Structures are given as structure tokens and as C-alpha cells.
């Protein structure tokens, strides 16, 4: 006999956010149906819309989770560290996570594409939400790096390079990685 455990609405929302992250990471905002998300969670579309008012709200919840997870990851890695030690700890954990959890990386990439597409359509809500999250991410990195704008900019720029290289499938031994140290920074700067 299989015993079914009833989930609370909050637990079901969490299931939807996880499923949506996976689906949106694969198909993007426009290429992902709410039906696919509902099917992955094991609920009906009407139930899905009782938890979230629409597809945009589901996407924004998944985007928010992606950013918050990244913020928490950087904060945990840099805890008690400053400067170069914080930089290396955050770089190391980021490179590991985007390599081992490709759905997190792809969700990030889909967020940027969704913002650009929405802004072209005159919808600024996506951009406002994603930019606000990105600024929280910036601040999380900025303080352990000594509140140095140049260090923070360089760290974020290398992070975006890592995003692109991993998303395009360049293996770690490929020559495009040659200038990157273990923490994702240029060998010359480390």
C-alpha cells in the first residue's frame, strides 16, 4: 500500500518553483508551457494557477529563487573572509555549482533573455525584478571584496564569462579556459 502524504500549499509552491526552474532553464520563458510545469509537479493547471496568478509570476518566482540561491552561495563561501580569500572562495564555489548544476546556470541565462524580450515588448516588470535581484547579488559580492568597485566588476565579468563558456559547453581542458585560474579569475591577477 502506497501512503500519499498531503503537501501544504507552501510545499506545493516550492515544488512548482523547482519544477519551473528546470522547465524554464530548458525552454526559456516563451518556450515553456504552464502545462509542462504542472505535469512535472503532478498537479492540474487550475491548481497551479491557485498557487500563482500566471506564467509570469511563476517565472519571476523561479528567477528570484535562482538569484537568492546564488546570493546565499556567495555569502556562505565568503563568510569570515575578505579580499583575495573571499574572491577565490566565491569564484571556486560558483564555478563548481554552474558545472555540477547546469539548470541553475541555464535559468540565469534564460532570465537575461526573458528581460531583453520583455523590454522589447514594453513589459518592464521582468527587468525591474531581475535587476533588483542582480543588485542584491552585486552587493553580496561587493562587501567581501573590500567594497572595491573594480574588484566587484572584474569578479562579475569573469562570472559572466564562465556562464557563457559553460553554457556553450566548452570542456574544462579547452584552450578558452587557459587564462582562468581555479577560482575563475585570470591567472595573471590571482
N, C-alpha and C. Protein backbone atom coordinates (compact mmCIF):
# COMPACT_ATOMS: atom_id res chain seq x y z
N UNK A 1 0.84 -1.17 0.00
CA UNK A 1 0.00 0.00 0.00
C UNK A 1 0.90 1.25 0.00
N UNK A 2 0.62 2.17 -0.91
CA UNK A 2 1.37 3.41 -1.00
C UNK A 2 0.63 4.48 -0.21
N UNK A 3 1.34 5.11 0.69
CA UNK A 3 0.75 6.16 1.51
C UNK A 3 1.11 7.50 0.89
N UNK A 4 0.12 8.27 0.53
CA UNK A 4 0.35 9.58 -0.07
C UNK A 4 0.35 10.63 1.04
N UNK A 5 1.39 11.40 1.12
CA UNK A 5 1.49 12.46 2.10
C UNK A 5 0.98 13.74 1.45
N UNK A 6 0.06 14.38 2.10
CA UNK A 6 -0.53 15.60 1.57
C UNK A 6 0.41 16.78 1.83
N UNK A 7 0.69 17.53 0.77
CA UNK A 7 1.58 18.69 0.92
C UNK A 7 0.77 19.94 1.21
N UNK A 8 1.37 20.83 1.97
CA UNK A 8 0.75 22.13 2.21
C UNK A 8 0.87 22.98 0.94
N UNK A 9 0.13 24.06 0.87
CA UNK A 9 0.21 24.96 -0.28
C UNK A 9 1.63 25.51 -0.43
N UNK A 10 2.29 25.80 0.69
CA UNK A 10 3.67 26.33 0.62
C UNK A 10 4.63 25.27 0.08
N UNK A 11 4.47 24.03 0.51
CA UNK A 11 5.31 22.95 -0.02
C UNK A 11 5.04 22.76 -1.52
N UNK A 12 3.78 22.88 -1.91
CA UNK A 12 3.42 22.74 -3.32
C UNK A 12 4.01 23.90 -4.13
N UNK A 13 3.99 25.12 -3.55
CA UNK A 13 4.62 26.27 -4.23
C UNK A 13 6.11 26.01 -4.45
N UNK A 14 6.76 25.45 -3.44
CA UNK A 14 8.19 25.12 -3.56
C UNK A 14 8.40 24.10 -4.68
N UNK A 15 7.53 23.12 -4.76
CA UNK A 15 7.62 22.12 -5.83
C UNK A 15 7.46 22.77 -7.20
N UNK A 16 6.53 23.73 -7.28
CA UNK A 16 6.31 24.44 -8.55
C UNK A 16 7.55 25.24 -8.92
N UNK A 17 8.14 25.93 -7.95
CA UNK A 17 9.34 26.74 -8.24
C UNK A 17 10.48 25.85 -8.72
N UNK A 18 10.69 24.71 -8.08
CA UNK A 18 11.76 23.79 -8.52
C UNK A 18 11.46 23.26 -9.93
N UNK A 19 10.23 22.85 -10.17
CA UNK A 19 9.86 22.32 -11.48
C UNK A 19 9.96 23.41 -12.54
N UNK A 20 9.51 24.61 -12.20
CA UNK A 20 9.56 25.73 -13.15
C UNK A 20 11.00 26.07 -13.49
N UNK A 21 11.88 26.03 -12.51
CA UNK A 21 13.30 26.31 -12.77
C UNK A 21 13.84 25.33 -13.80
N UNK A 22 13.55 24.07 -13.62
CA UNK A 22 14.01 23.05 -14.57
C UNK A 22 13.42 23.27 -15.95
N UNK A 23 12.12 23.51 -16.02
CA UNK A 23 11.46 23.69 -17.31
C UNK A 23 11.89 24.98 -18.00
N UNK A 24 11.92 26.10 -17.26
CA UNK A 24 12.34 27.37 -17.86
C UNK A 24 13.82 27.33 -18.26
N UNK A 25 14.65 26.64 -17.48
CA UNK A 25 16.07 26.52 -17.83
C UNK A 25 16.23 25.86 -19.19
N UNK A 26 15.40 24.88 -19.45
CA UNK A 26 15.45 24.16 -20.74
C UNK A 26 14.83 24.94 -21.88
N UNK A 27 13.63 25.49 -21.65
CA UNK A 27 12.86 26.04 -22.75
C UNK A 27 12.71 27.54 -22.78
N UNK A 28 13.19 28.24 -21.75
CA UNK A 28 13.01 29.68 -21.70
C UNK A 28 11.59 30.04 -21.35
N UNK A 29 11.34 31.33 -21.23
CA UNK A 29 10.02 31.79 -20.85
C UNK A 29 8.98 31.47 -21.93
N UNK A 30 9.26 31.85 -23.15
CA UNK A 30 8.28 31.66 -24.22
C UNK A 30 8.15 30.21 -24.65
N UNK A 31 9.18 29.42 -24.48
CA UNK A 31 9.15 28.03 -24.92
C UNK A 31 8.67 27.03 -23.87
N UNK A 32 8.29 27.52 -22.71
CA UNK A 32 7.84 26.64 -21.64
C UNK A 32 6.36 26.87 -21.37
N UNK A 33 5.61 25.81 -21.34
CA UNK A 33 4.18 25.92 -21.06
C UNK A 33 3.91 25.67 -19.57
N UNK A 34 2.85 26.30 -19.09
CA UNK A 34 2.45 26.03 -17.71
C UNK A 34 1.98 24.59 -17.59
N UNK A 35 1.51 24.02 -18.67
CA UNK A 35 1.10 22.61 -18.66
C UNK A 35 2.30 21.71 -18.34
N UNK A 36 3.45 22.00 -18.93
CA UNK A 36 4.66 21.21 -18.66
C UNK A 36 5.07 21.34 -17.20
N UNK A 37 4.96 22.54 -16.64
CA UNK A 37 5.31 22.74 -15.23
C UNK A 37 4.35 21.97 -14.34
N UNK A 38 3.06 22.09 -14.62
CA UNK A 38 2.04 21.38 -13.83
C UNK A 38 2.25 19.87 -13.90
N UNK A 39 2.53 19.37 -15.09
CA UNK A 39 2.78 17.93 -15.27
C UNK A 39 4.00 17.49 -14.45
N UNK A 40 5.07 18.28 -14.48
CA UNK A 40 6.28 17.93 -13.73
C UNK A 40 6.00 17.88 -12.22
N UNK A 41 5.14 18.77 -11.74
CA UNK A 41 4.82 18.82 -10.32
C UNK A 41 3.79 17.74 -9.96
N UNK A 42 2.97 17.38 -10.94
CA UNK A 42 1.92 16.40 -10.67
C UNK A 42 0.63 17.05 -10.20
N UNK A 43 0.38 18.26 -10.68
CA UNK A 43 -0.87 18.96 -10.35
C UNK A 43 -1.55 19.38 -11.64
N UNK A 44 -2.80 19.81 -11.51
CA UNK A 44 -3.53 20.32 -12.67
C UNK A 44 -3.15 21.78 -12.91
N UNK A 45 -3.37 22.27 -14.14
CA UNK A 45 -3.12 23.68 -14.40
C UNK A 45 -3.98 24.59 -13.53
N UNK A 46 -5.28 24.26 -13.34
CA UNK A 46 -6.08 25.12 -12.45
C UNK A 46 -5.48 25.21 -11.04
N UNK A 47 -4.94 24.10 -10.53
CA UNK A 47 -4.32 24.15 -9.21
C UNK A 47 -3.06 25.01 -9.25
N UNK A 48 -2.29 24.89 -10.32
CA UNK A 48 -1.09 25.70 -10.49
C UNK A 48 -1.45 27.19 -10.40
N UNK A 49 -2.57 27.56 -11.03
CA UNK A 49 -2.98 28.97 -11.04
C UNK A 49 -3.64 29.40 -9.73
N UNK A 50 -3.92 28.47 -8.83
CA UNK A 50 -4.33 28.86 -7.48
C UNK A 50 -3.09 29.24 -6.67
N UNK A 51 -1.95 28.64 -7.02
CA UNK A 51 -0.70 28.94 -6.31
C UNK A 51 -0.02 30.19 -6.84
N UNK A 52 -0.14 30.41 -8.14
CA UNK A 52 0.49 31.56 -8.81
C UNK A 52 -0.54 32.14 -9.78
N UNK A 53 -0.62 33.46 -9.88
CA UNK A 53 -1.63 34.06 -10.75
C UNK A 53 -1.42 33.84 -12.25
N UNK A 54 -0.22 33.47 -12.66
CA UNK A 54 0.03 33.25 -14.08
C UNK A 54 1.46 32.83 -14.35
N UNK A 55 1.77 32.61 -15.60
CA UNK A 55 3.09 32.15 -16.02
C UNK A 55 4.18 33.14 -15.62
N UNK A 56 3.91 34.43 -15.79
CA UNK A 56 4.92 35.44 -15.45
C UNK A 56 5.28 35.35 -13.97
N UNK A 57 4.28 35.17 -13.11
CA UNK A 57 4.53 35.07 -11.67
C UNK A 57 5.35 33.83 -11.35
N UNK A 58 5.10 32.75 -12.06
CA UNK A 58 5.88 31.52 -11.85
C UNK A 58 7.33 31.76 -12.27
N UNK A 59 7.51 32.38 -13.43
CA UNK A 59 8.86 32.66 -13.92
C UNK A 59 9.60 33.57 -12.95
N UNK A 60 8.94 34.64 -12.50
CA UNK A 60 9.61 35.57 -11.60
C UNK A 60 9.94 34.92 -10.26
N UNK A 61 9.10 34.00 -9.78
CA UNK A 61 9.41 33.27 -8.55
C UNK A 61 10.63 32.38 -8.75
N UNK A 62 10.72 31.72 -9.90
CA UNK A 62 11.88 30.87 -10.21
C UNK A 62 13.14 31.73 -10.36
N UNK A 63 13.00 32.89 -11.00
CA UNK A 63 14.14 33.80 -11.17
C UNK A 63 14.62 34.31 -9.80
N UNK A 64 13.67 34.68 -8.96
CA UNK A 64 14.02 35.16 -7.61
C UNK A 64 14.75 34.07 -6.84
N UNK A 65 14.28 32.84 -6.93
CA UNK A 65 14.92 31.73 -6.22
C UNK A 65 16.34 31.53 -6.75
N UNK A 66 16.51 31.60 -8.05
CA UNK A 66 17.83 31.42 -8.66
C UNK A 66 18.81 32.47 -8.11
N UNK A 67 18.38 33.71 -8.08
CA UNK A 67 19.23 34.79 -7.57
C UNK A 67 19.50 34.60 -6.08
N UNK A 68 18.47 34.31 -5.31
CA UNK A 68 18.64 34.14 -3.87
C UNK A 68 19.57 32.97 -3.54
N UNK A 69 19.45 31.89 -4.29
CA UNK A 69 20.35 30.75 -4.08
C UNK A 69 21.80 31.15 -4.36
N UNK A 70 22.00 31.94 -5.40
CA UNK A 70 23.36 32.40 -5.74
C UNK A 70 23.89 33.35 -4.68
N UNK A 71 23.04 34.25 -4.20
CA UNK A 71 23.44 35.16 -3.13
C UNK A 71 23.86 34.36 -1.89
N UNK A 72 23.03 33.41 -1.51
CA UNK A 72 23.33 32.59 -0.32
C UNK A 72 24.63 31.81 -0.52
N UNK A 73 24.84 31.29 -1.73
CA UNK A 73 26.04 30.53 -2.03
C UNK A 73 27.28 31.43 -1.86
N UNK A 74 27.24 32.66 -2.42
CA UNK A 74 28.38 33.57 -2.29
C UNK A 74 28.58 34.01 -0.83
N UNK A 75 27.49 34.31 -0.15
CA UNK A 75 27.59 34.75 1.25
C UNK A 75 28.20 33.65 2.11
N UNK A 76 27.75 32.42 1.92
CA UNK A 76 28.30 31.30 2.69
C UNK A 76 29.78 31.09 2.37
N UNK A 77 30.14 31.18 1.10
CA UNK A 77 31.53 30.95 0.70
C UNK A 77 32.46 32.02 1.26
N UNK A 78 31.97 33.26 1.32
CA UNK A 78 32.83 34.37 1.75
C UNK A 78 32.76 34.65 3.25
N UNK A 79 31.92 33.92 3.96
CA UNK A 79 31.74 34.18 5.38
C UNK A 79 33.08 34.17 6.13
N UNK A 80 33.36 35.28 6.80
CA UNK A 80 34.59 35.40 7.58
C UNK A 80 35.83 35.69 6.75
N UNK A 81 35.68 35.84 5.45
CA UNK A 81 36.82 36.10 4.57
C UNK A 81 36.74 37.50 3.98
N UNK A 82 37.87 37.99 3.51
CA UNK A 82 37.91 39.29 2.84
C UNK A 82 38.89 39.23 1.69
N UNK A 83 38.78 40.19 0.79
CA UNK A 83 39.73 40.36 -0.30
C UNK A 83 39.94 39.13 -1.15
N UNK A 84 41.22 38.82 -1.38
CA UNK A 84 41.57 37.69 -2.26
C UNK A 84 41.01 36.36 -1.77
N UNK A 85 41.01 36.15 -0.45
CA UNK A 85 40.46 34.89 0.08
C UNK A 85 38.98 34.78 -0.24
N UNK A 86 38.23 35.85 -0.06
CA UNK A 86 36.80 35.86 -0.37
C UNK A 86 36.59 35.67 -1.87
N UNK A 87 37.39 36.37 -2.65
CA UNK A 87 37.29 36.27 -4.10
C UNK A 87 37.48 34.82 -4.57
N UNK A 88 38.51 34.17 -4.10
CA UNK A 88 38.78 32.79 -4.50
C UNK A 88 37.70 31.83 -4.01
N UNK A 89 37.24 32.03 -2.77
CA UNK A 89 36.19 31.15 -2.23
C UNK A 89 34.90 31.28 -3.04
N UNK A 90 34.51 32.51 -3.36
CA UNK A 90 33.28 32.72 -4.14
C UNK A 90 33.45 32.21 -5.56
N UNK A 91 34.60 32.48 -6.17
CA UNK A 91 34.86 32.01 -7.53
C UNK A 91 34.87 30.49 -7.62
N UNK A 92 35.51 29.86 -6.65
CA UNK A 92 35.59 28.39 -6.64
C UNK A 92 34.21 27.76 -6.53
N UNK A 93 33.40 28.25 -5.59
CA UNK A 93 32.08 27.65 -5.39
C UNK A 93 31.18 27.91 -6.60
N UNK A 94 31.30 29.08 -7.20
CA UNK A 94 30.45 29.39 -8.36
C UNK A 94 30.77 28.48 -9.54
N UNK A 95 32.05 28.36 -9.84
CA UNK A 95 32.45 27.53 -10.97
C UNK A 95 32.01 26.08 -10.75
N UNK A 96 32.11 25.60 -9.52
CA UNK A 96 31.69 24.24 -9.19
C UNK A 96 30.18 24.08 -9.38
N UNK A 97 29.41 25.02 -8.85
CA UNK A 97 27.94 24.91 -8.92
C UNK A 97 27.45 24.99 -10.36
N UNK A 98 27.94 25.93 -11.15
CA UNK A 98 27.42 26.03 -12.53
C UNK A 98 27.84 24.83 -13.37
N UNK A 99 28.93 24.19 -13.02
CA UNK A 99 29.34 22.98 -13.73
C UNK A 99 28.52 21.77 -13.31
N UNK A 100 28.21 21.67 -12.01
CA UNK A 100 27.51 20.50 -11.49
C UNK A 100 26.00 20.63 -11.52
N UNK A 101 25.48 21.85 -11.57
CA UNK A 101 24.03 22.07 -11.59
C UNK A 101 23.67 22.96 -12.77
N UNK A 102 23.73 22.39 -13.97
CA UNK A 102 23.53 23.21 -15.17
C UNK A 102 22.18 23.92 -15.23
N UNK A 103 21.16 23.39 -14.56
CA UNK A 103 19.86 24.07 -14.59
C UNK A 103 19.93 25.43 -13.91
N UNK A 104 20.80 25.58 -12.91
CA UNK A 104 20.95 26.89 -12.26
C UNK A 104 21.58 27.89 -13.22
N UNK A 105 22.61 27.44 -13.92
CA UNK A 105 23.24 28.31 -14.91
C UNK A 105 22.26 28.68 -16.02
N UNK A 106 21.57 27.68 -16.56
CA UNK A 106 20.67 27.94 -17.67
C UNK A 106 19.50 28.82 -17.25
N UNK A 107 19.04 28.70 -16.02
CA UNK A 107 17.98 29.58 -15.53
C UNK A 107 18.48 31.02 -15.51
N UNK A 108 19.72 31.22 -15.07
CA UNK A 108 20.30 32.57 -15.11
C UNK A 108 20.28 33.12 -16.53
N UNK A 109 20.76 32.31 -17.45
CA UNK A 109 20.84 32.77 -18.84
C UNK A 109 19.44 33.08 -19.39
N UNK A 110 18.47 32.25 -19.05
CA UNK A 110 17.10 32.47 -19.51
C UNK A 110 16.51 33.75 -18.90
N UNK A 111 16.92 34.08 -17.69
CA UNK A 111 16.45 35.32 -17.06
C UNK A 111 16.87 36.52 -17.89
N UNK A 112 18.11 36.53 -18.33
CA UNK A 112 18.62 37.67 -19.10
C UNK A 112 17.90 37.77 -20.44
N UNK A 113 17.67 36.64 -21.08
CA UNK A 113 16.96 36.63 -22.37
C UNK A 113 15.52 37.10 -22.18
N UNK A 114 14.87 36.62 -21.11
CA UNK A 114 13.48 37.00 -20.85
C UNK A 114 13.35 38.50 -20.60
N UNK A 115 14.31 39.07 -19.89
CA UNK A 115 14.28 40.51 -19.64
C UNK A 115 14.38 41.26 -20.96
N UNK A 116 15.33 40.89 -21.79
CA UNK A 116 15.51 41.58 -23.07
C UNK A 116 14.26 41.48 -23.93
N UNK A 117 13.67 40.29 -24.01
CA UNK A 117 12.46 40.09 -24.82
C UNK A 117 11.29 40.88 -24.25
N UNK A 118 11.12 40.86 -22.95
CA UNK A 118 10.01 41.58 -22.32
C UNK A 118 10.16 43.09 -22.51
N UNK A 119 11.37 43.59 -22.36
CA UNK A 119 11.60 45.03 -22.53
C UNK A 119 11.28 45.44 -23.97
N UNK A 120 11.61 44.59 -24.94
CA UNK A 120 11.27 44.88 -26.34
C UNK A 120 9.76 44.96 -26.54
N UNK A 121 9.02 44.20 -25.74
CA UNK A 121 7.56 44.19 -25.82
C UNK A 121 6.92 45.27 -24.95
N UNK A 122 7.74 46.06 -24.26
CA UNK A 122 7.22 47.13 -23.41
C UNK A 122 6.88 46.70 -22.00
N UNK A 123 7.21 45.46 -21.63
CA UNK A 123 6.95 44.94 -20.29
C UNK A 123 8.22 45.12 -19.47
N UNK A 124 8.17 46.01 -18.50
CA UNK A 124 9.37 46.32 -17.72
C UNK A 124 9.41 45.59 -16.37
N UNK A 125 8.36 44.84 -16.04
CA UNK A 125 8.32 44.13 -14.75
C UNK A 125 9.43 43.09 -14.65
N UNK A 126 9.67 42.32 -15.72
CA UNK A 126 10.75 41.33 -15.70
C UNK A 126 12.07 42.01 -15.38
N UNK A 127 12.36 43.07 -16.12
CA UNK A 127 13.63 43.76 -15.94
C UNK A 127 13.80 44.33 -14.55
N UNK A 128 12.76 44.96 -14.03
CA UNK A 128 12.84 45.54 -12.70
C UNK A 128 13.13 44.47 -11.65
N UNK A 129 12.44 43.34 -11.75
CA UNK A 129 12.62 42.26 -10.77
C UNK A 129 14.01 41.64 -10.88
N UNK A 130 14.44 41.36 -12.10
CA UNK A 130 15.75 40.71 -12.29
C UNK A 130 16.88 41.67 -11.93
N UNK A 131 16.75 42.94 -12.31
CA UNK A 131 17.79 43.91 -11.96
C UNK A 131 17.89 44.10 -10.45
N UNK A 132 16.76 44.11 -9.75
CA UNK A 132 16.79 44.25 -8.29
C UNK A 132 17.53 43.06 -7.66
N UNK A 133 17.25 41.87 -8.15
CA UNK A 133 17.96 40.69 -7.64
C UNK A 133 19.44 40.75 -7.95
N UNK A 134 19.76 41.20 -9.16
CA UNK A 134 21.16 41.28 -9.56
C UNK A 134 21.91 42.29 -8.69
N UNK A 135 21.24 43.36 -8.32
CA UNK A 135 21.90 44.35 -7.44
C UNK A 135 22.13 43.78 -6.04
N UNK A 136 21.21 42.95 -5.54
CA UNK A 136 21.46 42.27 -4.26
C UNK A 136 22.65 41.33 -4.38
N UNK A 137 22.76 40.68 -5.53
CA UNK A 137 23.91 39.80 -5.79
C UNK A 137 25.20 40.63 -5.82
N UNK A 138 25.17 41.74 -6.54
CA UNK A 138 26.33 42.65 -6.61
C UNK A 138 26.77 43.04 -5.20
N UNK A 139 25.82 43.47 -4.37
CA UNK A 139 26.15 43.91 -3.02
C UNK A 139 26.73 42.77 -2.18
N UNK A 140 26.24 41.56 -2.38
CA UNK A 140 26.74 40.40 -1.64
C UNK A 140 28.21 40.15 -1.96
N UNK A 141 28.59 40.37 -3.19
CA UNK A 141 29.98 40.18 -3.63
C UNK A 141 30.83 41.39 -3.27
N UNK A 142 30.25 42.57 -3.39
CA UNK A 142 30.96 43.83 -3.23
C UNK A 142 31.62 44.00 -1.86
N UNK A 143 30.89 43.69 -0.81
CA UNK A 143 31.43 43.91 0.55
C UNK A 143 32.63 43.02 0.87
N UNK A 144 32.56 41.70 0.62
CA UNK A 144 33.75 40.87 0.92
C UNK A 144 34.97 41.24 0.07
N UNK A 145 34.73 41.89 -1.07
CA UNK A 145 35.85 42.30 -1.91
C UNK A 145 36.33 43.70 -1.54
N UNK A 146 36.03 44.10 -0.32
CA UNK A 146 36.52 45.38 0.18
C UNK A 146 35.75 46.57 -0.36
N UNK A 147 34.54 46.36 -0.84
CA UNK A 147 33.72 47.43 -1.43
C UNK A 147 34.48 48.14 -2.55
N UNK A 148 35.31 47.40 -3.25
CA UNK A 148 36.10 47.92 -4.35
C UNK A 148 35.33 47.69 -5.65
N UNK A 149 34.90 48.77 -6.27
CA UNK A 149 34.08 48.68 -7.50
C UNK A 149 34.82 47.93 -8.60
N UNK A 150 36.11 48.17 -8.74
CA UNK A 150 36.87 47.50 -9.80
C UNK A 150 36.96 45.99 -9.54
N UNK A 151 37.20 45.60 -8.30
CA UNK A 151 37.26 44.17 -7.97
C UNK A 151 35.91 43.51 -8.20
N UNK A 152 34.83 44.17 -7.78
CA UNK A 152 33.49 43.62 -7.95
C UNK A 152 33.15 43.50 -9.43
N UNK A 153 33.45 44.53 -10.20
CA UNK A 153 33.19 44.50 -11.64
C UNK A 153 33.96 43.37 -12.31
N UNK A 154 35.22 43.22 -11.95
CA UNK A 154 36.05 42.16 -12.53
C UNK A 154 35.50 40.79 -12.15
N UNK A 155 35.13 40.62 -10.89
CA UNK A 155 34.58 39.34 -10.44
C UNK A 155 33.30 39.00 -11.22
N UNK A 156 32.40 39.97 -11.33
CA UNK A 156 31.14 39.73 -12.04
C UNK A 156 31.39 39.49 -13.53
N UNK A 157 32.35 40.19 -14.10
CA UNK A 157 32.66 39.99 -15.52
C UNK A 157 33.20 38.58 -15.76
N UNK A 158 34.09 38.12 -14.90
CA UNK A 158 34.59 36.75 -15.04
C UNK A 158 33.46 35.74 -14.84
N UNK A 159 32.56 36.04 -13.92
CA UNK A 159 31.41 35.16 -13.72
C UNK A 159 30.56 35.04 -14.97
N UNK A 160 30.34 36.15 -15.65
CA UNK A 160 29.56 36.10 -16.90
C UNK A 160 30.32 35.35 -17.99
N UNK A 161 31.64 35.48 -18.03
CA UNK A 161 32.44 34.71 -18.98
C UNK A 161 32.31 33.22 -18.68
N UNK A 162 32.39 32.87 -17.40
CA UNK A 162 32.21 31.47 -17.01
C UNK A 162 30.83 30.99 -17.44
N UNK A 163 29.80 31.80 -17.20
CA UNK A 163 28.44 31.44 -17.63
C UNK A 163 28.41 31.09 -19.11
N UNK A 164 28.98 31.96 -19.92
CA UNK A 164 28.95 31.77 -21.37
C UNK A 164 29.73 30.52 -21.78
N UNK A 165 30.92 30.33 -21.23
CA UNK A 165 31.74 29.18 -21.61
C UNK A 165 31.08 27.87 -21.21
N UNK A 166 30.53 27.81 -20.00
CA UNK A 166 29.85 26.60 -19.54
C UNK A 166 28.58 26.38 -20.36
N UNK A 167 27.79 27.43 -20.59
CA UNK A 167 26.55 27.30 -21.35
C UNK A 167 26.82 26.80 -22.77
N UNK A 168 27.93 27.22 -23.35
CA UNK A 168 28.27 26.77 -24.71
C UNK A 168 28.91 25.40 -24.73
N UNK A 169 29.21 24.86 -23.55
CA UNK A 169 29.72 23.50 -23.47
C UNK A 169 31.21 23.35 -23.67
N UNK A 170 31.98 24.41 -23.46
CA UNK A 170 33.43 24.27 -23.57
C UNK A 170 33.93 23.41 -22.42
N UNK A 171 34.58 22.29 -22.71
CA UNK A 171 35.09 21.44 -21.63
C UNK A 171 36.23 22.15 -20.88
N UNK A 172 36.43 21.79 -19.62
CA UNK A 172 37.44 22.47 -18.80
C UNK A 172 38.85 22.47 -19.39
N UNK A 173 39.18 21.48 -20.20
CA UNK A 173 40.52 21.42 -20.77
C UNK A 173 40.67 22.23 -22.07
N UNK A 174 39.58 22.83 -22.55
CA UNK A 174 39.64 23.61 -23.79
C UNK A 174 40.52 24.85 -23.61
N UNK A 175 41.15 25.28 -24.67
CA UNK A 175 42.08 26.41 -24.61
C UNK A 175 41.42 27.72 -24.19
N UNK A 176 40.08 27.86 -24.35
CA UNK A 176 39.44 29.11 -23.93
C UNK A 176 39.49 29.30 -22.42
N UNK A 177 39.73 28.23 -21.68
CA UNK A 177 39.84 28.32 -20.23
C UNK A 177 41.28 28.59 -19.77
N UNK A 178 42.23 28.60 -20.69
CA UNK A 178 43.66 28.67 -20.34
C UNK A 178 44.01 29.85 -19.44
N UNK A 179 43.37 30.98 -19.61
CA UNK A 179 43.70 32.15 -18.80
C UNK A 179 42.95 32.24 -17.49
N UNK A 180 42.14 31.24 -17.20
CA UNK A 180 41.34 31.28 -15.98
C UNK A 180 42.00 30.44 -14.90
N UNK A 181 42.12 31.02 -13.71
CA UNK A 181 42.63 30.26 -12.57
C UNK A 181 41.53 29.40 -11.98
N UNK A 182 41.85 28.66 -10.95
CA UNK A 182 40.86 27.77 -10.35
C UNK A 182 39.63 28.49 -9.81
N UNK A 183 39.77 29.74 -9.42
CA UNK A 183 38.61 30.47 -8.90
C UNK A 183 37.86 31.22 -9.99
N UNK A 184 38.30 31.05 -11.24
CA UNK A 184 37.62 31.72 -12.33
C UNK A 184 38.20 33.07 -12.67
N UNK A 185 39.32 33.41 -12.10
CA UNK A 185 39.98 34.68 -12.38
C UNK A 185 41.16 34.45 -13.30
N UNK A 186 41.57 35.48 -13.95
CA UNK A 186 42.74 35.42 -14.81
C UNK A 186 43.95 35.01 -13.99
N UNK A 187 44.75 34.12 -14.54
CA UNK A 187 45.96 33.67 -13.83
C UNK A 187 46.86 34.84 -13.46
N UNK A 188 46.88 35.85 -14.32
CA UNK A 188 47.77 36.99 -14.08
C UNK A 188 47.36 37.78 -12.85
N UNK A 189 46.05 37.85 -12.55
CA UNK A 189 45.57 38.65 -11.43
C UNK A 189 45.56 37.89 -10.13
N UNK A 190 45.51 36.56 -10.16
CA UNK A 190 45.34 35.79 -8.94
C UNK A 190 46.55 35.81 -8.06
